[in-house]
Amino acid sequence: MSSPRDNTQFLNKVKSTLMIPEGDTFVDEELQLHIESATELLISMGITESLANSNHPLVEGLIIIYVKTYFGFKADGSVRELPNSFYLLVRQLCLTLEGVDAS
């Protein structure tokens, strides 16, 4: 069973994947916004709120994919899209017994 996600610890994990030192806080607000947006996207796709806010490895992986896709900006102004693997992992998460909101 998954536990509730520790927001500070997870923010540091996200920063690590982006190669941002833990002590640098200049992008924390933007990263937190992306984490919250990814969580809400998962909930809107049918993942239960408790699972979307947990430390489940698939959930954390999906949020990291989301943040890495949308963090920062592209100099050419092109539109960013989530990779197909994101949607494949969401479907896999939905197949878990705890993952789907049946309402």
C-alpha atoms as a PDB file:
ATOM      1  CA  MET A   1       0.000   0.000   0.000  1.00  0.00           C
ATOM      2  CA  SER A   2       1.215   3.494  -0.810  1.00  0.00           C
ATOM      3  CA  SER A   3       1.716   6.259   1.718  1.00  0.00           C
ATOM      4  CA  PRO A   4       0.862   9.944   1.336  1.00  0.00           C
ATOM      5  CA  ARG A   5       3.568  11.760  -0.608  1.00  0.00           C
ATOM      6  CA  ASP A   6       5.960  13.959   1.377  1.00  0.00           C
ATOM      7  CA  ASN A   7       5.857  17.172  -0.689  1.00  0.00           C
ATOM      8  CA  THR A   8       9.254  18.510   0.378  1.00  0.00           C
ATOM      9  CA  GLN A   9      11.012  15.209  -0.215  1.00  0.00           C
ATOM     10  CA  PHE A  10       9.300  14.762  -3.575  1.00  0.00           C
ATOM     11  CA  LEU A  11      10.164  18.314  -4.663  1.00  0.00           C
ATOM     12  CA  ASN A  12      13.817  17.503  -3.962  1.00  0.00           C
ATOM     13  CA  LYS A  13      13.497  14.287  -5.999  1.00  0.00           C
ATOM     14  CA  VAL A  14      12.051  16.265  -8.924  1.00  0.00           C
ATOM     15  CA  LYS A  15      14.834  18.844  -8.648  1.00  0.00           C
ATOM     16  CA  SER A  16      17.378  16.029  -8.687  1.00  0.00           C
ATOM     17  CA  THR A  17      15.948  14.608 -11.927  1.00  0.00           C
ATOM     18  CA  LEU A  18      16.256  18.076 -13.476  1.00  0.00           C
ATOM     19  CA  MET A  19      19.822  18.400 -12.127  1.00  0.00           C
ATOM     20  CA  ILE A  20      18.870  21.359  -9.945  1.00  0.00           C
ATOM     21  CA  PRO A  21      20.742  21.442  -6.626  1.00  0.00           C
ATOM     22  CA  GLU A  22      18.515  20.883  -3.590  1.00  0.00           C
ATOM     23  CA  GLY A  23      19.555  24.218  -2.094  1.00  0.00           C
ATOM     24  CA  ASP A  24      18.503  26.253  -5.133  1.00  0.00           C
ATOM     25  CA  THR A  25      14.974  27.480  -4.474  1.00  0.00           C
ATOM     26  CA  PHE A  26      14.482  29.898  -7.381  1.00  0.00           C
ATOM     27  CA  VAL A  27      12.288  27.419  -9.310  1.00  0.00           C
ATOM     28  CA  ASP A  28      10.486  25.759  -6.402  1.00  0.00           C
ATOM     29  CA  GLU A  29       7.228  27.612  -7.045  1.00  0.00           C
ATOM     30  CA  GLU A  30       7.148  26.654 -10.730  1.00  0.00           C
ATOM     31  CA  LEU A  31       8.039  23.038  -9.966  1.00  0.00           C
ATOM     32  CA  GLN A  32       5.368  22.829  -7.268  1.00  0.00           C
ATOM     33  CA  LEU A  33       2.815  24.214  -9.728  1.00  0.00           C
ATOM     34  CA  HIS A  34       3.729  21.495 -12.256  1.00  0.00           C
ATOM     35  CA  ILE A  35       3.548  18.794  -9.566  1.00  0.00           C
ATOM     36  CA  GLU A  36       0.078  19.992  -8.550  1.00  0.00           C
ATOM     37  CA  SER A  37      -1.033  20.199 -12.198  1.00  0.00           C
ATOM     38  CA  ALA A  38       0.153  16.651 -12.880  1.00  0.00           C
ATOM     39  CA  THR A  39      -1.644  15.409  -9.780  1.00  0.00           C
ATOM     40  CA  GLU A  40      -4.878  17.079 -10.884  1.00  0.00           C
ATOM     41  CA  LEU A  41      -4.468  15.626 -14.383  1.00  0.00           C
ATOM     42  CA  LEU A  42      -4.179  12.124 -12.914  1.00  0.00           C
ATOM     43  CA  ILE A  43      -7.322  12.695 -10.836  1.00  0.00           C
ATOM     44  CA  SER A  44      -9.195  13.971 -13.912  1.00  0.00           C
ATOM     45  CA  MET A  45      -8.150  10.779 -15.741  1.00  0.00           C
ATOM     46  CA  GLY A  46      -9.854   8.628 -13.094  1.00  0.00           C
ATOM     47  CA  ILE A  47      -7.022   7.962 -10.624  1.00  0.00           C
ATOM     48  CA  THR A  48      -8.262   8.222  -7.044  1.00  0.00           C
ATOM     49  CA  GLU A  49      -7.228  11.350  -5.181  1.00  0.00           C
ATOM     50  CA  SER A  50      -5.501   9.318  -2.462  1.00  0.00           C
ATOM     51  CA  LEU A  51      -3.422   7.408  -5.015  1.00  0.00           C
ATOM     52  CA  ALA A  52      -2.628  10.557  -7.029  1.00  0.00           C
ATOM     53  CA  ASN A  53      -1.281  12.147  -3.825  1.00  0.00           C
ATOM     54  CA  SER A  54       0.687   9.076  -2.750  1.00  0.00           C
ATOM     55  CA  ASN A  55       4.289   7.967  -3.038  1.00  0.00           C
ATOM     56  CA  HIS A  56       3.348   5.082  -5.366  1.00  0.00           C
ATOM     57  CA  PRO A  57       6.304   4.601  -7.759  1.00  0.00           C
ATOM     58  CA  LEU A  58       4.132   4.830 -10.889  1.00  0.00           C
ATOM     59  CA  VAL A  59       2.472   8.019  -9.642  1.00  0.00           C
ATOM     60  CA  GLU A  60       5.809   9.635  -8.858  1.00  0.00           C
ATOM     61  CA  GLY A  61       7.189   8.521 -12.223  1.00  0.00           C
ATOM     62  CA  LEU A  62       4.209   9.995 -14.070  1.00  0.00           C
ATOM     63  CA  ILE A  63       4.543  13.300 -12.246  1.00  0.00           C
ATOM     64  CA  ILE A  64       8.262  13.443 -13.030  1.00  0.00           C
ATOM     65  CA  ILE A  65       7.554  12.778 -16.732  1.00  0.00           C
ATOM     66  CA  TYR A  66       4.976  15.595 -16.665  1.00  0.00           C
ATOM     67  CA  VAL A  67       7.317  18.056 -14.944  1.00  0.00           C
ATOM     68  CA  LYS A  68      10.256  17.212 -17.223  1.00  0.00           C
ATOM     69  CA  THR A  69       8.002  17.768 -20.241  1.00  0.00           C
ATOM     70  CA  TYR A  70       6.603  21.144 -19.208  1.00  0.00           C
ATOM     71  CA  PHE A  71       9.329  22.697 -17.011  1.00  0.00           C
ATOM     72  CA  GLY A  72      11.065  25.736 -18.437  1.00  0.00           C
ATOM     73  CA  PHE A  73      10.547  26.919 -21.989  1.00  0.00           C
ATOM     74  CA  LYS A  74      11.630  26.082 -25.516  1.00  0.00           C
ATOM     75  CA  ALA A  75      13.409  28.887 -27.304  1.00  0.00           C
ATOM     76  CA  ASP A  76      11.654  28.075 -30.592  1.00  0.00           C
ATOM     77  CA  GLY A  77       8.189  28.423 -29.023  1.00  0.00           C
ATOM     78  CA  SER A  78       7.067  24.965 -30.131  1.00  0.00           C
ATOM     79  CA  VAL A  79       4.261  23.185 -28.316  1.00  0.00           C
ATOM     80  CA  ARG A  80       5.232  20.468 -25.868  1.00  0.00           C
ATOM     81  CA  GLU A  81       3.321  17.221 -25.654  1.00  0.00           C
ATOM     82  CA  LEU A  82       3.431  14.420 -23.133  1.00  0.00           C
ATOM     83  CA  PRO A  83       5.101  11.302 -24.547  1.00  0.00           C
ATOM     84  CA  ASN A  84       2.975   8.260 -25.379  1.00  0.00           C
ATOM     85  CA  SER A  85       4.664   6.406 -22.520  1.00  0.00           C
ATOM     86  CA  PHE A  86       2.873   8.746 -20.094  1.00  0.00           C
ATOM     87  CA  TYR A  87      -0.531   7.524 -21.241  1.00  0.00           C
ATOM     88  CA  LEU A  88       0.620   3.895 -21.252  1.00  0.00           C
ATOM     89  CA  LEU A  89       1.722   4.231 -17.622  1.00  0.00           C
ATOM     90  CA  VAL A  90      -1.583   5.915 -16.673  1.00  0.00           C
ATOM     91  CA  ARG A  91      -3.458   2.950 -18.161  1.00  0.00           C
ATOM     92  CA  GLN A  92      -1.207   0.585 -16.223  1.00  0.00           C
ATOM     93  CA  LEU A  93      -1.921   2.517 -13.034  1.00  0.00           C
ATOM     94  CA  CYS A  94      -5.663   2.349 -13.742  1.00  0.00           C
ATOM     95  CA  LEU A  95      -5.402  -1.443 -13.862  1.00  0.00           C
ATOM     96  CA  THR A  96      -4.300  -1.566 -10.239  1.00  0.00           C
ATOM     97  CA  LEU A  97      -7.137  -2.347  -7.840  1.00  0.00           C
ATOM     98  CA  GLU A  98      -6.538   0.790  -5.804  1.00  0.00           C
ATOM     99  CA  GLY A  99      -6.106   3.114  -8.737  1.00  0.00           C
ATOM    100  CA  VAL A 100      -9.471   3.791 -10.321  1.00  0.00           C
ATOM    101  CA  ASP A 101     -12.200   6.060  -9.087  1.00  0.00           C
ATOM    102  CA  ALA A 102     -15.371   4.054  -9.809  1.00  0.00           C
ATOM    103  CA  SER A 103     -17.715   7.017  -9.300  1.00  0.00           C
END
